[in-house]
Amino acid sequence: MSSHDPAVLDCPFDFADALEYDPALDALARRGPVSRIRLPYGEAEAWLVTSFAGVRQVTCDPRFSRAAIVGRDYPRMTPEPIVSPESINVTDPPHSTRLRHVAAQAFTRERVAAMRPAVDRVVAGLLTAMDEAGPPADLVTHLSVPLPHLTICELLAVPEADRDQLRAHTMRLLATSPDARQDAADAKACLRAYFAELVPARRSSPGEDLLSTLATAPVPEGEEPLSDDELAVLAVTLILSGNDTATCQISDIAYLLLTRPEQTAALARDPERFPGALEELLRFIPFRKGVGIPRIALEDAEIEGVQIRAGDYVHVSYLAANRDPDVFPDPHKLDLERPVRPHMTFGWGGHHCLAAPLARAELDSAVSGLLTRFPKLRLDVPAEDIEWDNGTIRRFPLSLPVTW
């Protein structure tokens, strides 16, 4: 289908009005569960799947391959592909199974429970520093930005002197402007080179950190242990994921609660409700723009009654799936008492985020810590005066001035 075909919709997905839901994405989903789109970058059109059932099918069906996009100028949101060709995010079984088996050992419920005291200590330290600095304070600077980065660096035992540099590389990689392409590619290379040096040292002299755990993890009989290069790429993926999702979500959750004081007060009175409320907040928040990494159909297939041809690109929208009225009644309403059911904020299927238990622990610690430590926390500026990110694929406030 050519780019001039009226059935192909141009989708810049550049909507960035606070945490309002992208009306273009909503309109696409209302048209039907599968649409034909063109994104800002890449060689071709793609299918976009927006229904919960359709997204679930694509993410669980081996006929739709992420590995097949490697080496191709696939349709995407950023000028430079964020993901490295060797990343676990663009592998298929059985290779991805091997990588995920090792990585999953680092994020079992038991290991994350053991990590929780370290997360709580980081949160307590950051909130103490914010309290001592005195109101007003910027919640993004004091909590959202440092917590995920400090936590993942702490878990990987990245030397303190290197942490600011790694954070800067991560931010450069997430930019969406056309002139940022070379800078993003350089940042990716720097991150890769950094961990390529760190991994051999941890393998030869392992400690108690996450990188040492990954380097020395047992592998199933008959399989090769992960190479130094594979581990370096895995570490880069963890740094990117940790900074991206959790940083946005801490700020976004705080913003939503601070602009809904009556709901915040109810949560503060009944903290045991927070885990369920957190799942609703995660479902509701459009924490990024548009779509992520596509797949390629390896053979002809049918999705929600639409014929997909072998070789076609297929994108899914986790954001739209989280607003599917067939799964979440009145989906555009934030209902903190909504019965908990699985959502797609951390992905689905073979590429579900392995570190989701850690992200949940960070969010629970950060937000419940805020509500407990600062019961009178409130915005220090009108909500309409808050400045939002519009230069990356993410949705979050650049600053969140608060007082108490």
Protein backbone atom coordinates (compact mmCIF):
# COMPACT_ATOMS: atom_id res chain seq x y z
CA MET A 1 0.00 0.00 0.00
CA SER A 2 1.56 3.33 -0.95
CA SER A 3 1.99 6.34 1.32
CA HIS A 4 -0.55 8.16 -0.89
CA ASP A 5 -3.27 5.63 -0.21
CA PRO A 6 -5.99 7.45 1.76
CA ALA A 7 -6.40 4.38 3.96
CA VAL A 8 -2.88 4.96 5.37
CA LEU A 9 -3.04 7.46 8.21
CA ASP A 10 -0.08 9.70 9.06
CA CYS A 11 0.51 9.35 12.79
CA PRO A 12 3.05 11.75 14.27
CA PHE A 13 1.88 10.76 17.78
CA ASP A 14 3.26 14.07 19.05
CA PHE A 15 0.39 14.85 21.44
CA ALA A 16 1.80 16.07 24.77
CA ASP A 17 -0.97 17.86 26.69
CA ALA A 18 -0.24 16.98 30.32
CA LEU A 19 -1.57 13.45 30.85
CA GLU A 20 -4.58 13.78 28.58
CA TYR A 21 -5.04 10.77 26.32
CA ASP A 22 -3.90 11.26 22.71
CA PRO A 23 -7.11 12.00 20.75
CA ALA A 24 -5.53 10.67 17.53
CA LEU A 25 -4.85 7.30 19.17
CA ASP A 26 -8.36 7.26 20.62
CA ALA A 27 -9.83 7.99 17.18
CA LEU A 28 -7.77 5.17 15.63
CA ALA A 29 -9.01 2.68 18.21
CA ARG A 30 -12.61 3.77 17.62
CA ARG A 31 -12.22 3.14 13.87
CA GLY A 32 -11.43 -0.50 14.54
CA PRO A 33 -8.91 -2.78 16.24
CA VAL A 34 -6.40 -2.73 13.34
CA SER A 35 -5.37 0.32 11.28
CA ARG A 36 -2.80 1.11 8.58
CA ILE A 37 -0.42 3.92 9.60
CA ARG A 38 2.75 5.81 8.70
CA LEU A 39 5.11 6.93 11.47
CA PRO A 40 7.59 9.88 11.38
CA TYR A 41 10.63 7.67 10.63
CA GLY A 42 11.20 4.42 8.76
CA GLU A 43 10.90 2.88 5.33
CA ALA A 44 7.28 1.77 5.18
CA GLU A 45 3.78 1.80 6.53
CA ALA A 46 2.76 -0.49 9.35
CA TRP A 47 -0.30 -2.07 10.84
CA LEU A 48 -1.28 -0.74 14.26
CA VAL A 49 -3.21 -3.03 16.59
CA THR A 50 -5.10 -1.24 19.38
CA SER A 51 -7.51 -3.74 20.96
CA PHE A 52 -6.54 -5.70 24.07
CA ALA A 53 -7.29 -9.03 22.38
CA GLY A 54 -5.40 -8.06 19.23
CA VAL A 55 -2.33 -6.86 21.12
CA ARG A 56 -2.37 -10.03 23.20
CA GLN A 57 -2.45 -12.12 20.00
CA VAL A 58 0.45 -10.31 18.33
CA THR A 59 2.67 -10.34 21.41
CA CYS A 60 2.13 -14.07 22.01
CA ASP A 61 2.16 -15.37 18.41
CA PRO A 62 5.60 -16.54 17.13
CA ARG A 63 4.53 -15.63 13.57
CA PHE A 64 5.19 -11.99 14.53
CA SER A 65 8.94 -11.51 14.92
CA ARG A 66 10.89 -8.72 16.56
CA ALA A 67 14.23 -10.23 15.51
CA ALA A 68 13.25 -9.79 11.84
CA ILE A 69 13.41 -5.98 12.16
CA VAL A 70 17.18 -6.02 12.86
CA GLY A 71 19.08 -4.33 10.04
CA ARG A 72 15.95 -2.76 8.58
CA ASP A 73 14.81 0.85 8.59
CA TYR A 74 11.65 -0.04 10.45
CA PRO A 75 8.79 2.43 11.10
CA ARG A 76 9.35 4.18 14.43
CA MET A 77 9.00 7.36 16.52
CA THR A 78 12.69 8.35 16.83
CA PRO A 79 15.30 9.16 14.16
CA GLU A 80 17.80 6.71 15.70
CA PRO A 81 16.42 3.32 16.75
CA ILE A 82 16.55 3.28 20.56
CA VAL A 83 17.08 -0.45 20.80
CA SER A 84 20.44 -2.06 19.97
CA PRO A 85 20.39 -4.86 17.36
CA GLU A 86 21.73 -7.28 19.99
CA SER A 87 19.21 -6.29 22.65
CA ILE A 88 16.96 -8.83 24.32
CA ASN A 89 14.08 -6.62 23.11
CA VAL A 90 14.68 -7.64 19.49
CA THR A 91 15.19 -11.37 19.93
CA ASP A 92 12.82 -14.27 19.37
CA PRO A 93 12.69 -17.73 20.93
CA PRO A 94 14.77 -19.75 21.48
CA HIS A 95 17.48 -17.07 21.76
CA SER A 96 15.26 -14.71 23.76
CA THR A 97 14.23 -17.58 26.02
CA ARG A 98 17.87 -18.12 26.96
CA LEU A 99 18.48 -14.43 27.65
CA ARG A 100 15.25 -13.98 29.57
CA HIS A 101 15.91 -17.10 31.65
CA VAL A 102 19.11 -15.54 32.96
CA ALA A 103 17.67 -12.04 33.37
CA ALA A 104 14.52 -13.32 35.07
CA GLN A 105 16.61 -14.81 37.86
CA ALA A 106 17.53 -11.28 38.88
CA PHE A 107 13.91 -10.14 39.22
CA THR A 108 12.07 -12.97 40.95
CA ARG A 109 9.59 -11.88 43.62
CA GLU A 110 11.97 -13.20 46.25
CA ARG A 111 14.95 -11.21 44.94
CA VAL A 112 12.90 -8.04 44.57
CA ALA A 113 11.57 -8.48 48.11
CA ALA A 114 15.20 -8.74 49.23
CA MET A 115 16.00 -5.55 47.24
CA ARG A 116 13.11 -3.60 48.79
CA PRO A 117 15.02 -2.43 51.90
CA ALA A 118 17.69 -0.92 49.62
CA VAL A 119 14.98 0.85 47.58
CA ASP A 120 13.35 2.13 50.79
CA ARG A 121 16.71 3.45 52.01
CA VAL A 122 17.25 5.36 48.76
CA VAL A 123 13.71 6.79 48.96
CA ALA A 124 14.13 7.78 52.61
CA GLY A 125 17.42 9.51 51.85
CA LEU A 126 15.96 11.44 48.93
CA LEU A 127 12.87 12.51 50.89
CA THR A 128 15.02 13.58 53.84
CA ALA A 129 17.16 15.72 51.54
CA MET A 130 14.00 17.25 50.04
CA ASP A 131 12.60 17.97 53.52
CA GLU A 132 15.88 19.58 54.61
CA ALA A 133 16.01 21.72 51.46
CA GLY A 134 12.60 22.98 52.51
CA PRO A 135 9.54 23.96 50.50
CA PRO A 136 9.01 24.72 47.75
CA ALA A 137 10.87 21.84 46.13
CA ASP A 138 10.90 20.19 42.72
CA LEU A 139 9.71 16.62 43.07
CA VAL A 140 11.23 15.65 39.72
CA THR A 141 14.70 16.79 40.78
CA HIS A 142 14.47 15.39 44.30
CA LEU A 143 12.76 12.05 43.65
CA SER A 144 11.61 11.06 40.15
CA VAL A 145 14.93 11.45 38.34
CA PRO A 146 17.38 10.20 40.98
CA LEU A 147 15.42 7.25 42.42
CA PRO A 148 15.26 4.85 39.43
CA HIS A 149 18.77 5.75 38.30
CA LEU A 150 20.27 5.43 41.79
CA THR A 151 18.39 2.17 42.36
CA ILE A 152 19.54 0.45 39.16
CA CYS A 153 23.08 1.81 39.58
CA GLU A 154 23.06 0.57 43.16
CA LEU A 155 21.86 -2.86 42.08
CA LEU A 156 24.47 -3.03 39.29
CA ALA A 157 27.12 -1.60 41.67
CA VAL A 158 28.00 1.18 39.21
CA PRO A 159 30.68 3.38 40.86
CA GLU A 160 29.19 6.65 42.11
CA ALA A 161 31.62 8.70 40.02
CA ASP A 162 30.15 7.22 36.81
CA ARG A 163 26.44 7.57 37.55
CA ASP A 164 25.80 11.11 36.29
CA GLN A 165 27.54 10.30 33.01
CA LEU A 166 25.38 7.19 32.46
CA ARG A 167 22.25 9.22 33.18
CA ALA A 168 23.27 11.83 30.59
CA HIS A 169 23.87 9.14 27.94
CA THR A 170 20.42 7.67 28.66
CA MET A 171 18.65 11.01 28.18
CA ARG A 172 20.45 11.65 24.87
CA LEU A 173 19.25 8.30 23.55
CA LEU A 174 15.55 9.08 24.10
CA ALA A 175 15.40 12.30 22.04
CA THR A 176 12.99 12.48 19.07
CA SER A 177 14.25 15.49 17.05
CA PRO A 178 15.74 14.67 13.61
CA ASP A 179 19.05 16.42 14.39
CA ALA A 180 19.57 14.23 17.48
CA ARG A 181 20.25 11.07 15.49
CA GLN A 182 24.07 11.06 15.60
CA ASP A 183 24.11 12.20 19.22
CA ALA A 184 21.77 9.33 20.17
CA ALA A 185 23.90 6.82 18.29
CA ASP A 186 27.00 8.09 20.12
CA ALA A 187 25.22 7.82 23.46
CA LYS A 188 24.24 4.22 22.74
CA ALA A 189 27.84 3.38 21.84
CA CYS A 190 29.11 4.99 25.05
CA LEU A 191 26.70 2.98 27.22
CA ARG A 192 27.63 -0.22 25.43
CA ALA A 193 31.37 0.44 25.78
CA TYR A 194 31.01 1.26 29.48
CA PHE A 195 29.38 -2.05 30.36
CA ALA A 196 31.64 -3.97 27.99
CA GLU A 197 34.47 -3.00 30.35
CA LEU A 198 32.52 -3.65 33.55
CA VAL A 199 31.23 -7.14 32.73
CA PRO A 200 34.56 -9.03 32.50
CA ALA A 201 35.65 -7.57 35.84
CA ARG A 202 32.44 -8.79 37.52
CA ARG A 203 32.73 -12.22 35.93
CA SER A 204 36.29 -12.69 37.15
CA SER A 205 35.63 -11.21 40.58
CA PRO A 206 31.89 -11.38 41.30
CA GLY A 207 30.24 -9.49 44.13
CA GLU A 208 26.70 -9.36 45.52
CA ASP A 209 25.44 -7.02 42.80
CA LEU A 210 22.94 -7.70 40.03
CA LEU A 211 25.54 -7.66 37.25
CA SER A 212 27.59 -10.29 39.09
CA THR A 213 24.44 -12.37 39.55
CA LEU A 214 23.72 -12.21 35.83
CA ALA A 215 27.34 -12.99 34.94
CA THR A 216 27.48 -16.06 37.15
CA ALA A 217 23.88 -17.29 36.79
CA PRO A 218 23.54 -21.01 36.08
CA VAL A 219 22.26 -21.90 32.62
CA PRO A 220 20.13 -24.89 31.63
CA GLU A 221 22.04 -28.00 30.62
CA GLY A 222 23.20 -27.88 27.01
CA GLU A 223 23.10 -24.08 26.77
CA GLU A 224 26.00 -21.65 26.60
CA PRO A 225 26.42 -19.02 29.31
CA LEU A 226 25.80 -15.45 28.19
CA SER A 227 28.82 -13.81 26.55
CA ASP A 228 30.36 -10.61 27.88
CA ASP A 229 28.80 -8.75 24.96
CA GLU A 230 25.33 -10.15 25.64
CA LEU A 231 25.61 -9.17 29.29
CA ALA A 232 26.76 -5.65 28.37
CA VAL A 233 23.72 -5.19 26.11
CA LEU A 234 21.46 -6.58 28.85
CA ALA A 235 22.91 -4.06 31.32
CA VAL A 236 22.25 -1.21 28.86
CA THR A 237 18.65 -2.44 28.50
CA LEU A 238 18.25 -2.40 32.30
CA ILE A 239 19.66 1.13 32.58
CA LEU A 240 17.36 2.38 29.81
CA SER A 241 14.27 0.63 31.14
CA GLY A 242 14.92 1.63 34.73
CA ASN A 243 15.36 5.30 33.91
CA ASP A 244 12.61 5.50 31.33
CA THR A 245 9.49 3.95 32.81
CA ALA A 246 9.98 4.48 36.54
CA THR A 247 11.16 8.10 36.23
CA CYS A 248 8.09 9.01 34.18
CA GLN A 249 5.68 7.08 36.34
CA ILE A 250 6.81 8.55 39.67
CA SER A 251 6.28 12.07 38.30
CA ASP A 252 3.04 11.19 36.53
CA ILE A 253 1.52 9.40 39.51
CA ALA A 254 2.47 12.26 41.81
CA TYR A 255 0.91 14.76 39.38
CA LEU A 256 -2.35 12.82 39.15
CA LEU A 257 -2.63 12.47 42.92
CA LEU A 258 -1.71 16.10 43.58
CA THR A 259 -4.39 17.27 41.15
CA ARG A 260 -6.95 14.97 42.82
CA PRO A 261 -6.53 15.84 46.52
CA GLU A 262 -9.72 14.08 47.63
CA GLN A 263 -8.49 10.76 46.19
CA THR A 264 -5.05 11.32 47.68
CA ALA A 265 -6.57 11.94 51.11
CA ALA A 266 -8.57 8.70 50.84
CA LEU A 267 -5.40 6.77 50.02
CA ALA A 268 -3.53 8.40 52.90
CA ARG A 269 -6.29 7.33 55.28
CA ASP A 270 -6.18 3.74 54.00
CA PRO A 271 -2.62 2.96 52.81
CA GLU A 272 -3.47 -0.72 52.30
CA ARG A 273 -5.48 0.32 49.26
CA PHE A 274 -2.41 1.68 47.52
CA PRO A 275 -1.21 -1.50 45.71
CA GLY A 276 -4.56 -1.81 43.93
CA ALA A 277 -4.71 1.93 43.26
CA LEU A 278 -1.20 1.74 41.80
CA GLU A 279 -2.33 -0.77 39.19
CA GLU A 280 -5.14 1.56 38.12
CA LEU A 281 -2.75 4.50 37.95
CA LEU A 282 -0.37 2.44 35.79
CA ARG A 283 -3.22 1.41 33.48
CA PHE A 284 -4.55 4.93 33.14
CA ILE A 285 -1.35 6.94 32.62
CA PRO A 286 -0.20 7.46 28.99
CA PHE A 287 3.47 7.39 30.05
CA ARG A 288 4.82 7.52 26.50
CA LYS A 289 3.76 8.59 23.01
CA GLY A 290 2.55 6.34 20.23
CA VAL A 291 4.19 2.98 19.89
CA GLY A 292 7.42 1.12 20.62
CA ILE A 293 9.24 -1.63 18.74
CA PRO A 294 7.36 -3.27 15.83
CA ARG A 295 7.29 -6.86 14.69
CA ILE A 296 7.34 -8.35 11.19
CA ALA A 297 4.84 -10.97 10.09
CA LEU A 298 6.80 -14.08 9.10
CA GLU A 299 3.80 -15.50 7.26
CA ASP A 300 0.28 -14.49 6.34
CA ALA A 301 -1.91 -14.15 9.42
CA GLU A 302 -5.21 -12.70 10.56
CA ILE A 303 -5.63 -10.22 13.43
CA GLU A 304 -9.11 -9.27 14.56
CA GLY A 305 -10.48 -10.19 11.11
CA VAL A 306 -7.82 -8.21 9.20
CA GLN A 307 -5.48 -10.02 6.81
CA ILE A 308 -1.78 -9.35 7.46
CA ARG A 309 0.71 -10.37 4.77
CA ALA A 310 4.11 -11.94 5.32
CA GLY A 311 6.72 -9.18 5.52
CA ASP A 312 4.32 -6.53 6.87
CA TYR A 313 5.35 -4.45 9.88
CA VAL A 314 2.98 -4.74 12.83
CA HIS A 315 2.95 -2.26 15.73
CA VAL A 316 0.89 -2.68 18.87
CA SER A 317 -0.32 0.03 21.24
CA TYR A 318 -0.22 -0.94 24.89
CA LEU A 319 -1.69 2.50 25.65
CA ALA A 320 -4.78 1.80 23.53
CA ALA A 321 -5.11 -1.73 24.89
CA ASN A 322 -5.21 -0.25 28.40
CA ARG A 323 -8.21 1.86 27.30
CA ASP A 324 -10.14 -0.98 25.64
CA PRO A 325 -13.75 -0.64 26.88
CA ASP A 326 -14.32 -4.38 26.39
CA VAL A 327 -11.78 -5.02 29.15
CA PHE A 328 -11.91 -1.85 31.26
CA PRO A 329 -15.43 -0.38 31.52
CA ASP A 330 -15.46 3.42 31.29
CA PRO A 331 -11.75 3.22 30.38
CA HIS A 332 -11.04 6.97 30.30
CA LYS A 333 -12.02 7.34 33.96
CA LEU A 334 -9.37 7.07 36.67
CA ASP A 335 -11.06 4.85 39.27
CA LEU A 336 -8.72 4.03 42.15
CA GLU A 337 -11.22 1.45 43.41
CA ARG A 338 -11.43 -0.35 40.06
CA PRO A 339 -11.07 -4.12 40.53
CA VAL A 340 -7.49 -5.11 39.67
CA ARG A 341 -7.02 -6.99 36.42
CA PRO A 342 -3.98 -7.39 34.15
CA HIS A 343 -2.99 -4.31 32.14
CA MET A 344 -0.29 -3.82 29.50
CA THR A 345 1.80 -0.97 30.88
CA PHE A 346 4.77 -3.34 31.26
CA GLY A 347 4.11 -5.05 27.94
CA TRP A 348 2.73 -8.52 27.31
CA GLY A 349 3.83 -11.95 26.17
CA GLY A 350 7.42 -12.80 25.36
CA HIS A 351 8.59 -9.21 25.81
CA HIS A 352 6.80 -8.39 29.06
CA CYS A 353 9.17 -6.24 31.14
CA LEU A 354 11.27 -8.54 33.30
CA ALA A 355 12.00 -5.75 35.75
CA ALA A 356 8.30 -4.96 36.36
CA PRO A 357 8.46 -6.29 39.96
CA LEU A 358 11.33 -3.89 40.68
CA ALA A 359 9.49 -0.97 39.05
CA ARG A 360 6.41 -1.71 41.17
CA ALA A 361 8.57 -1.82 44.31
CA GLU A 362 10.11 1.57 43.41
CA LEU A 363 6.74 3.15 42.71
CA ASP A 364 5.16 1.73 45.85
CA SER A 365 8.08 2.91 47.99
CA ALA A 366 8.28 6.35 46.39
CA VAL A 367 4.59 7.26 46.38
CA SER A 368 3.63 5.68 49.71
CA GLY A 369 6.75 7.29 51.21
CA LEU A 370 5.66 10.68 49.87
CA LEU A 371 2.12 10.37 51.25
CA THR A 372 3.40 9.27 54.65
CA ARG A 373 6.27 11.75 54.99
CA PHE A 374 4.39 14.77 53.59
CA PRO A 375 0.67 14.40 54.43
CA LYS A 376 0.06 18.05 53.44
CA LEU A 377 1.94 17.81 50.14
CA ARG A 378 0.42 19.97 47.40
CA LEU A 379 1.38 21.66 44.14
CA ASP A 380 3.12 25.02 44.56
CA VAL A 381 1.96 26.30 41.16
CA PRO A 382 -1.33 26.06 39.26
CA ALA A 383 -1.55 22.73 37.40
CA GLU A 384 -1.82 24.57 34.07
CA ASP A 385 1.58 26.21 34.65
CA ILE A 386 3.49 22.92 34.83
CA GLU A 387 5.88 22.40 31.91
CA TRP A 388 5.77 19.00 30.21
CA ASP A 389 8.36 17.12 28.18
CA ASN A 390 7.76 17.42 24.45
CA GLY A 391 11.18 16.50 23.09
CA THR A 392 11.19 12.75 23.70
CA ILE A 393 8.81 9.82 23.33
CA ARG A 394 7.91 10.09 27.01
CA ARG A 395 5.07 11.89 28.81
CA PHE A 396 6.06 13.49 32.10
CA PRO A 397 6.38 16.91 33.80
CA LEU A 398 9.82 18.48 33.45
CA SER A 399 9.39 19.87 36.95
CA LEU A 400 6.79 19.40 39.65
CA PRO A 401 7.02 22.23 42.22
CA VAL A 402 5.50 21.16 45.54
CA THR A 403 5.12 22.52 49.04
CA TRP A 404 3.92 21.06 52.33
